[in-house]
């Protein structure tokens, strides 16, 4: 009777296959049949950036590697769930997970293996190679307009909640791209950028009334895309005339932008956070719905999104008006809803969100907590929001910093006193790719 071969479990993200992965598989073959637990997009995205290749693409690569018997999904970042399901005789892993949050994952795996009468085999870490470093380089160098455009929808499928932040220049985008906080074993970061008409206009010294042409803003976005890899949502103001909207959509979509948000106001555009909004007028529902339909018919890729921004609360109207508009805009083809408010508390947007979620379970809902900034991301998510946009903080942060430096130089007649307030030249050179 033929002796049954042992089962060997190896868990991988495998966004970038390198010789370290091959070493694990070669070592694993000596112990038995290899089952790869391929970490899903969702599991990765909850802890790190979403992989460049989606699950099915990564699975196809691994399934064709010599020595791999089977590839199964690992739906949690923790290995122990799959260990209890599979009950492998061995688990193979590199020995580089004995510190930090990875130590918790290791301990959980050891306990699960012990309960299943399995054994952990640790392979010396392959020096001189880093999956994270390779993935970062890959994301920057291989991202195209098509892949970037589709990232927002991939993220929405993979994560419950996304955070976007305003970027008005390549430098501000670079800072946001690389900003990272480690918290409870997870990497907390921004999922993408918001191209704000307010901050784009202000950075050019121009009023926020659609004076700055979209072609000029898209040139700026193209410069941002040159040095970053994350998706971008475009602030499309009112969208302009219906007769021009189809061409605008085609141009913006072609650039690699993932989504445009247009607001349901008409006439000369004025910023929604102005104290006096009595001269601002909301577009009638039928006309704005027609604009959405025109845009949806014009787009070429199903990856691109048109999101309707509802201004009812900004203009003093009630929740029923906002809901009526949401129904109409979604029926017209809107891929998501942004509910706006200039209230200092979130009560009205939370009331809207709860009512909205009773009807629309899967339509993305976006919040912009510029005035109600005490609200946490957890509270937004709990109330049904999928995306938070920090819409103007990066530009607003730059103004007092630059003003402070300018005034100190004038006061002291030299630059020595401001040096402690400045980013070092060395760090600037390290930040910008290709400077060295």
Protein backbone atom coordinates (compact mmCIF):
# COMPACT_ATOMS: atom_id res chain seq x y z
CA UNK A 1 0.00 0.00 0.00
CA UNK A 2 1.37 3.39 -1.04
CA UNK A 3 2.23 5.59 1.91
CA UNK A 4 0.32 8.87 2.01
CA UNK A 5 2.58 11.91 1.59
CA UNK A 6 2.74 14.54 4.28
CA UNK A 7 1.05 17.92 3.81
CA UNK A 8 3.18 21.07 3.91
CA UNK A 9 1.59 24.50 4.34
CA UNK A 10 3.23 27.71 3.11
CA UNK A 11 1.40 31.05 3.36
CA UNK A 12 2.36 33.75 0.86
CA UNK A 13 1.16 37.10 -0.45
CA UNK A 14 3.30 36.59 -3.56
CA UNK A 15 2.69 39.95 -5.21
CA UNK A 16 6.32 39.74 -6.29
CA UNK A 17 7.87 36.27 -6.66
CA UNK A 18 11.57 36.19 -5.83
CA UNK A 19 14.25 33.59 -5.02
CA UNK A 20 13.35 33.68 -1.34
CA UNK A 21 9.92 32.25 -2.19
CA UNK A 22 11.49 29.61 -4.43
CA UNK A 23 13.80 28.60 -1.56
CA UNK A 24 10.78 28.05 0.71
CA UNK A 25 9.10 25.87 -1.90
CA UNK A 26 12.27 23.86 -2.60
CA UNK A 27 12.76 23.21 1.12
CA UNK A 28 9.08 22.38 1.54
CA UNK A 29 9.15 19.71 -1.19
CA UNK A 30 11.48 17.63 0.99
CA UNK A 31 8.75 17.33 3.63
CA UNK A 32 5.75 16.50 1.44
CA UNK A 33 3.08 17.93 -0.86
CA UNK A 34 2.98 21.72 -0.76
CA UNK A 35 -0.27 23.59 -0.24
CA UNK A 36 0.09 27.35 -0.67
CA UNK A 37 -2.20 29.51 1.43
CA UNK A 38 -2.45 32.55 -0.84
CA UNK A 39 -3.41 35.62 1.20
CA UNK A 40 -6.44 37.30 -0.37
CA UNK A 41 -6.59 40.90 -1.58
CA UNK A 42 -8.90 41.77 1.31
CA UNK A 43 -6.64 40.24 3.97
CA UNK A 44 -3.58 42.03 2.58
CA UNK A 45 -5.37 45.36 2.17
CA UNK A 46 -6.43 45.38 5.81
CA UNK A 47 -2.75 45.34 6.85
CA UNK A 48 -0.75 46.64 3.89
CA UNK A 49 -1.28 48.22 0.48
CA UNK A 50 -3.47 46.27 -1.90
CA UNK A 51 -1.29 44.01 -4.09
CA UNK A 52 -0.41 45.06 -7.62
CA UNK A 53 -1.66 41.70 -8.94
CA UNK A 54 -5.12 40.52 -7.90
CA UNK A 55 -5.76 37.18 -6.22
CA UNK A 56 -6.54 35.23 -9.39
CA UNK A 57 -3.43 36.54 -11.15
CA UNK A 58 -1.21 35.63 -8.19
CA UNK A 59 -2.88 32.21 -7.92
CA UNK A 60 -2.18 31.44 -11.58
CA UNK A 61 1.52 32.18 -11.14
CA UNK A 62 1.87 30.06 -7.99
CA UNK A 63 -0.15 27.17 -9.39
CA UNK A 64 2.38 26.82 -12.19
CA UNK A 65 5.46 26.76 -9.97
CA UNK A 66 7.21 23.40 -9.77
CA UNK A 67 6.50 21.67 -6.47
CA UNK A 68 3.22 23.41 -5.68
CA UNK A 69 0.45 20.83 -5.33
CA UNK A 70 -2.47 23.14 -4.52
CA UNK A 71 -3.27 26.81 -3.90
CA UNK A 72 -6.04 27.74 -1.45
CA UNK A 73 -7.17 31.17 -0.21
CA UNK A 74 -5.98 32.43 3.17
CA UNK A 75 -8.74 34.89 4.00
CA UNK A 76 -7.18 36.13 7.23
CA UNK A 77 -3.76 37.57 7.86
CA UNK A 78 -3.49 35.15 10.79
CA UNK A 79 -2.28 31.70 9.64
CA UNK A 80 -3.98 29.73 12.40
CA UNK A 81 -7.45 29.70 10.79
CA UNK A 82 -6.19 27.83 7.73
CA UNK A 83 -3.99 25.57 9.88
CA UNK A 84 -7.05 24.35 11.79
CA UNK A 85 -8.89 23.75 8.49
CA UNK A 86 -6.05 21.99 6.67
CA UNK A 87 -4.31 20.29 9.64
CA UNK A 88 -0.93 20.17 7.85
CA UNK A 89 1.93 17.97 9.03
CA UNK A 90 4.33 20.86 8.52
CA UNK A 91 4.29 24.59 8.04
CA UNK A 92 7.27 26.24 6.34
CA UNK A 93 8.15 29.88 7.05
CA UNK A 94 11.18 32.15 7.03
CA UNK A 95 12.76 32.84 10.42
CA UNK A 96 12.26 36.61 10.10
CA UNK A 97 8.97 36.79 12.03
CA UNK A 98 10.13 36.67 15.62
CA UNK A 99 9.65 40.37 16.42
CA UNK A 100 6.80 42.88 16.48
CA UNK A 101 3.33 41.95 15.29
CA UNK A 102 4.74 39.04 13.26
CA UNK A 103 5.72 37.44 16.58
CA UNK A 104 2.00 37.23 17.45
CA UNK A 105 1.30 35.56 14.11
CA UNK A 106 4.11 33.10 14.79
CA UNK A 107 2.86 32.25 18.27
CA UNK A 108 -0.69 31.71 16.98
CA UNK A 109 0.62 29.43 14.22
CA UNK A 110 2.69 27.38 16.66
CA UNK A 111 -0.31 26.90 18.98
CA UNK A 112 -2.53 25.85 16.05
CA UNK A 113 0.09 23.43 14.73
CA UNK A 114 0.54 21.90 18.17
CA UNK A 115 -3.22 21.35 18.48
CA UNK A 116 -3.25 19.69 15.05
CA UNK A 117 -0.08 17.66 15.76
CA UNK A 118 1.83 19.60 13.13
CA UNK A 119 5.31 21.11 13.20
CA UNK A 120 6.79 24.49 12.26
CA UNK A 121 9.93 24.40 10.11
CA UNK A 122 11.71 27.75 9.90
CA UNK A 123 14.05 28.49 7.01
CA UNK A 124 16.84 31.09 7.38
CA UNK A 125 15.70 34.42 5.96
CA UNK A 126 17.07 35.09 2.47
CA UNK A 127 19.31 38.11 2.98
CA UNK A 128 19.44 40.95 0.50
CA UNK A 129 15.84 40.58 -0.61
CA UNK A 130 12.69 42.33 0.62
CA UNK A 131 9.21 41.64 -0.70
CA UNK A 132 7.99 44.99 0.60
CA UNK A 133 10.84 46.89 -1.10
CA UNK A 134 10.30 45.03 -4.38
CA UNK A 135 6.55 45.67 -4.26
CA UNK A 136 7.07 49.37 -3.58
CA UNK A 137 9.43 49.66 -6.55
CA UNK A 138 7.07 47.63 -8.71
CA UNK A 139 4.05 49.75 -7.83
CA UNK A 140 5.90 52.93 -8.74
CA UNK A 141 7.50 51.69 -11.96
CA UNK A 142 4.79 49.44 -13.41
CA UNK A 143 1.60 51.34 -12.64
CA UNK A 144 -0.15 52.52 -15.80
CA UNK A 145 -3.17 54.72 -16.38
CA UNK A 146 -5.32 51.60 -16.73
CA UNK A 147 -4.07 49.87 -13.57
CA UNK A 148 -4.25 53.05 -11.50
CA UNK A 149 -7.78 53.84 -12.71
CA UNK A 150 -9.03 50.45 -11.56
CA UNK A 151 -7.44 50.62 -8.10
CA UNK A 152 -10.32 52.47 -6.43
CA UNK A 153 -12.86 49.80 -7.27
CA UNK A 154 -10.41 47.08 -6.23
CA UNK A 155 -9.90 48.84 -2.92
CA UNK A 156 -13.63 49.21 -2.36
CA UNK A 157 -14.04 45.46 -2.89
CA UNK A 158 -11.12 44.60 -0.63
CA UNK A 159 -11.53 47.04 2.29
CA UNK A 160 -14.45 48.23 4.36
CA UNK A 161 -13.14 51.77 4.68
CA UNK A 162 -10.74 53.95 2.67
CA UNK A 163 -8.95 57.19 3.53
CA UNK A 164 -8.04 59.74 0.85
CA UNK A 165 -6.13 62.99 1.37
CA UNK A 166 -5.78 66.15 -0.68
CA UNK A 167 -2.68 66.49 -2.84
CA UNK A 168 -2.09 69.82 -4.59
CA UNK A 169 1.44 69.10 -5.82
CA UNK A 170 3.76 66.16 -6.48
CA UNK A 171 5.58 66.92 -3.22
CA UNK A 172 2.38 66.82 -1.14
CA UNK A 173 1.42 63.59 -2.93
CA UNK A 174 4.83 62.04 -2.23
CA UNK A 175 4.48 62.86 1.46
CA UNK A 176 1.02 61.30 1.54
CA UNK A 177 2.11 58.26 -0.47
CA UNK A 178 4.85 57.45 2.05
CA UNK A 179 3.06 58.44 5.28
CA UNK A 180 2.74 55.34 7.47
CA UNK A 181 1.81 54.59 11.07
CA UNK A 182 2.09 51.14 12.67
CA UNK A 183 -0.80 50.48 15.02
CA UNK A 184 -1.89 47.19 16.62
CA UNK A 185 0.07 45.19 14.09
CA UNK A 186 -1.38 47.01 11.11
CA UNK A 187 0.00 49.59 8.76
CA UNK A 188 -2.21 52.69 8.69
CA UNK A 189 -1.81 54.77 5.54
CA UNK A 190 -3.67 56.81 2.95
CA UNK A 191 -5.28 54.75 0.20
CA UNK A 192 -5.18 57.54 -2.37
CA UNK A 193 -5.35 61.22 -3.25
CA UNK A 194 -8.04 63.86 -3.60
CA UNK A 195 -7.53 66.51 -6.26
CA UNK A 196 -9.35 69.48 -4.72
CA UNK A 197 -10.48 72.39 -6.86
CA UNK A 198 -10.11 74.61 -3.77
CA UNK A 199 -6.49 73.72 -3.07
CA UNK A 200 -5.51 73.55 -6.74
CA UNK A 201 -6.93 77.04 -7.25
CA UNK A 202 -5.45 78.43 -4.04
CA UNK A 203 -1.98 77.05 -4.76
CA UNK A 204 -2.13 79.01 -8.04
CA UNK A 205 -3.42 82.15 -6.30
CA UNK A 206 -6.75 81.88 -8.13
CA UNK A 207 -10.36 81.90 -6.81
CA UNK A 208 -12.22 78.62 -6.29
CA UNK A 209 -14.95 79.29 -8.87
CA UNK A 210 -13.99 76.98 -11.75
CA UNK A 211 -11.66 79.70 -13.10
CA UNK A 212 -8.76 77.22 -13.26
CA UNK A 213 -9.27 75.10 -16.36
CA UNK A 214 -9.41 71.32 -16.04
CA UNK A 215 -6.57 70.93 -18.55
CA UNK A 216 -4.29 72.89 -16.21
CA UNK A 217 -5.35 70.77 -13.23
CA UNK A 218 -4.83 67.55 -15.19
CA UNK A 219 -1.30 68.67 -16.04
CA UNK A 220 -0.67 68.91 -12.31
CA UNK A 221 -2.21 65.47 -11.77
CA UNK A 222 0.04 64.04 -14.47
CA UNK A 223 3.06 65.33 -12.54
CA UNK A 224 1.67 63.68 -9.39
CA UNK A 225 1.23 60.41 -11.27
CA UNK A 226 4.87 60.55 -12.40
CA UNK A 227 6.10 60.01 -8.83
CA UNK A 228 3.30 58.08 -7.09
CA UNK A 229 1.32 54.86 -7.50
CA UNK A 230 -1.96 55.34 -5.63
CA UNK A 231 -5.41 56.16 -7.09
CA UNK A 232 -6.83 59.68 -7.31
CA UNK A 233 -10.37 61.06 -7.02
CA UNK A 234 -10.97 64.28 -8.97
CA UNK A 235 -13.03 67.18 -7.65
CA UNK A 236 -15.04 68.06 -10.76
CA UNK A 237 -16.95 71.01 -9.23
CA UNK A 238 -20.32 71.21 -11.02
CA UNK A 239 -19.05 69.30 -14.03
CA UNK A 240 -19.70 72.37 -16.19
CA UNK A 241 -22.21 72.43 -19.02
CA UNK A 242 -24.05 69.22 -19.86
CA UNK A 243 -23.11 69.67 -23.49
CA UNK A 244 -19.40 69.53 -22.60
CA UNK A 245 -19.54 66.87 -19.91
CA UNK A 246 -19.03 63.84 -22.15
CA UNK A 247 -15.71 65.20 -23.46
CA UNK A 248 -14.58 66.10 -19.94
CA UNK A 249 -15.24 62.56 -18.79
CA UNK A 250 -13.25 61.05 -21.65
CA UNK A 251 -10.29 63.35 -20.98
CA UNK A 252 -10.26 62.77 -17.21
CA UNK A 253 -10.77 59.01 -17.56
CA UNK A 254 -7.93 58.75 -20.08
CA UNK A 255 -5.51 60.36 -17.59
CA UNK A 256 -5.80 57.46 -15.15
CA UNK A 257 -8.03 59.21 -12.59
CA UNK A 258 -10.25 56.65 -10.80
CA UNK A 259 -13.32 58.80 -10.15
CA UNK A 260 -14.82 62.25 -10.56
CA UNK A 261 -17.12 63.81 -7.98
CA UNK A 262 -19.53 66.45 -9.28
CA UNK A 263 -21.75 68.63 -7.09
CA UNK A 264 -25.42 69.38 -7.80
CA UNK A 265 -25.16 73.17 -7.91
CA UNK A 266 -25.61 75.53 -10.82
CA UNK A 267 -24.40 78.97 -11.84
CA UNK A 268 -21.03 80.47 -10.89
CA UNK A 269 -19.38 77.94 -8.61
CA UNK A 270 -18.74 79.15 -5.06
CA UNK A 271 -17.10 77.16 -2.29
CA UNK A 272 -19.60 75.22 -0.19
CA UNK A 273 -17.92 76.12 3.11
CA UNK A 274 -18.57 79.86 2.75
CA UNK A 275 -20.66 81.22 5.60
CA UNK A 276 -23.10 82.94 3.28
CA UNK A 277 -24.57 80.54 0.70
CA UNK A 278 -27.77 82.46 -0.11
CA UNK A 279 -26.58 83.17 -3.66
CA UNK A 280 -25.74 79.53 -4.31
CA UNK A 281 -28.34 77.52 -6.20
CA UNK A 282 -28.88 73.80 -6.35
CA UNK A 283 -29.33 72.22 -9.76
CA UNK A 284 -32.76 70.74 -10.41
CA UNK A 285 -32.83 66.96 -10.04
CA UNK A 286 -33.76 66.18 -13.63
CA UNK A 287 -30.99 68.28 -15.15
CA UNK A 288 -28.29 66.95 -12.85
CA UNK A 289 -29.45 63.37 -13.42
CA UNK A 290 -29.16 63.95 -17.16
CA UNK A 291 -25.58 65.13 -16.67
CA UNK A 292 -24.74 61.93 -14.78
CA UNK A 293 -26.30 59.82 -17.54
CA UNK A 294 -24.33 61.68 -20.20
CA UNK A 295 -21.10 61.02 -18.30
CA UNK A 296 -21.84 57.33 -17.81
CA UNK A 297 -22.56 56.86 -21.50
CA UNK A 298 -19.34 58.67 -22.42
CA UNK A 299 -16.92 56.70 -20.26
CA UNK A 300 -14.99 53.92 -21.97
CA UNK A 301 -13.93 51.81 -19.00
CA UNK A 302 -16.10 50.20 -16.34
CA UNK A 303 -13.31 50.99 -13.86
CA UNK A 304 -14.04 54.72 -13.94
CA UNK A 305 -16.56 56.09 -11.43
CA UNK A 306 -18.86 59.12 -11.46
CA UNK A 307 -19.91 60.12 -7.94
CA UNK A 308 -22.68 62.59 -7.18
CA UNK A 309 -22.12 65.17 -4.46
CA UNK A 310 -25.33 66.27 -2.76
CA UNK A 311 -25.39 69.87 -1.50
CA UNK A 312 -28.80 69.85 0.20
CA UNK A 313 -27.46 70.36 3.74
CA UNK A 314 -25.06 73.07 2.55
CA UNK A 315 -28.05 75.06 1.23
CA UNK A 316 -30.22 74.59 4.32
CA UNK A 317 -32.48 71.86 2.98
CA UNK A 318 -33.70 68.80 4.86
CA UNK A 319 -32.84 65.11 4.75
CA UNK A 320 -35.84 64.27 2.54
CA UNK A 321 -34.45 66.49 -0.23
CA UNK A 322 -31.05 64.82 0.09
CA UNK A 323 -32.59 61.34 -0.07
CA UNK A 324 -34.78 62.23 -3.05
CA UNK A 325 -31.70 63.39 -4.88
CA UNK A 326 -29.72 60.29 -3.91
CA UNK A 327 -32.45 58.04 -5.34
CA UNK A 328 -32.54 59.99 -8.61
CA UNK A 329 -28.78 60.20 -9.04
CA UNK A 330 -28.23 56.49 -8.42
CA UNK A 331 -31.03 55.68 -10.86
CA UNK A 332 -29.26 57.91 -13.41
CA UNK A 333 -26.10 55.81 -13.02
CA UNK A 334 -24.07 57.47 -10.23
CA UNK A 335 -21.49 55.02 -8.87
CA UNK A 336 -21.48 56.59 -5.41
CA UNK A 337 -22.79 59.42 -3.28
CA UNK A 338 -20.90 62.12 -1.40
CA UNK A 339 -23.03 63.85 1.22
CA UNK A 340 -21.66 67.28 2.13
CA UNK A 341 -22.18 69.41 5.23
CA UNK A 342 -20.66 72.51 6.80
CA UNK A 343 -22.15 71.78 10.22
CA UNK A 344 -19.72 71.53 13.12
CA UNK A 345 -21.29 68.26 14.22
CA UNK A 346 -22.00 65.14 12.15
CA UNK A 347 -25.63 64.60 13.15
CA UNK A 348 -27.19 65.41 9.79
CA UNK A 349 -24.75 63.37 7.71
CA UNK A 350 -25.07 60.42 10.09
CA UNK A 351 -28.88 60.63 9.86
CA UNK A 352 -28.61 60.63 6.08
CA UNK A 353 -26.11 57.75 6.08
CA UNK A 354 -28.30 55.51 8.25
CA UNK A 355 -31.34 56.16 6.08
CA UNK A 356 -29.28 55.69 2.91
CA UNK A 357 -27.81 52.38 4.07
CA UNK A 358 -31.25 50.87 4.74
CA UNK A 359 -31.88 51.06 0.99
CA UNK A 360 -28.45 50.99 -0.65
CA UNK A 361 -26.28 48.32 0.91
CA UNK A 362 -23.42 48.41 -1.59
CA UNK A 363 -23.33 51.93 -3.06
CA UNK A 364 -20.15 53.75 -1.92
CA UNK A 365 -20.82 56.64 0.46
CA UNK A 366 -18.24 59.40 0.96
CA UNK A 367 -17.82 61.84 3.85
CA UNK A 368 -15.66 64.99 4.02
CA UNK A 369 -15.16 66.01 7.67
CA UNK A 370 -13.67 69.48 7.14
CA UNK A 371 -15.96 71.25 9.64
CA UNK A 372 -17.03 68.27 11.78
CA UNK A 373 -13.40 67.22 12.17
CA UNK A 374 -13.83 65.69 15.63
CA UNK A 375 -15.40 62.65 13.98
CA UNK A 376 -13.24 59.54 13.88
CA UNK A 377 -12.88 57.17 10.98
CA UNK A 378 -14.40 54.40 13.11
CA UNK A 379 -17.52 56.52 13.65
CA UNK A 380 -17.83 57.23 9.93
CA UNK A 381 -17.45 53.55 9.09
CA UNK A 382 -19.94 52.52 11.78
CA UNK A 383 -22.52 54.87 10.26
CA UNK A 384 -22.13 53.42 6.78
CA UNK A 385 -19.41 55.47 5.09
CA UNK A 386 -16.90 53.76 2.79
CA UNK A 387 -14.52 56.64 2.10
CA UNK A 388 -13.29 59.62 4.08
CA UNK A 389 -11.68 62.51 2.21
CA UNK A 390 -9.37 64.88 4.07
CA UNK A 391 -10.04 67.57 1.53
CA UNK A 392 -7.73 70.52 2.26
CA UNK A 393 -5.47 69.84 5.24
CA UNK A 394 -2.18 69.50 3.34
CA UNK A 395 -2.39 72.95 1.73
CA UNK A 396 -3.68 74.55 4.94
CA UNK A 397 -0.71 73.05 6.81
CA UNK A 398 1.78 74.52 4.36
CA UNK A 399 0.59 78.12 4.69
CA UNK A 400 1.39 78.76 8.41
CA UNK A 401 4.70 76.90 8.06
CA UNK A 402 5.83 79.04 5.12
CA UNK A 403 4.53 82.25 6.72
CA UNK A 404 6.42 81.47 9.93
CA UNK A 405 9.70 80.94 8.05
CA UNK A 406 9.28 84.09 5.93
CA UNK A 407 8.58 86.28 8.98
CA UNK A 408 11.54 84.86 10.96
CA UNK A 409 13.96 85.51 8.08
CA UNK A 410 12.71 89.09 7.81
CA UNK A 411 12.98 89.57 11.57
CA UNK A 412 16.51 88.16 11.91
CA UNK A 413 18.00 89.20 8.60
CA UNK A 414 19.28 85.66 8.05
CA UNK A 415 18.10 82.05 7.80
CA UNK A 416 19.91 80.45 10.77
CA UNK A 417 16.96 80.83 13.18
CA UNK A 418 14.54 78.96 10.91
CA UNK A 419 16.76 75.94 10.34
CA UNK A 420 15.12 73.98 13.19
CA UNK A 421 11.72 74.44 11.48
CA UNK A 422 12.88 73.07 8.15
CA UNK A 423 13.11 69.68 6.48
CA UNK A 424 16.81 69.02 5.90
CA UNK A 425 18.37 69.19 2.46
CA UNK A 426 19.51 65.59 2.99
CA UNK A 427 15.95 64.44 3.59
CA UNK A 428 14.70 66.37 0.57
CA UNK A 429 17.28 64.60 -1.59
CA UNK A 430 16.24 61.23 -0.15
CA UNK A 431 12.55 61.91 -0.71
CA UNK A 432 12.67 62.75 -4.39
CA UNK A 433 13.26 59.70 -6.64
CA UNK A 434 16.30 59.97 -8.91
CA UNK A 435 17.86 62.94 -7.08
CA UNK A 436 20.87 60.97 -5.82
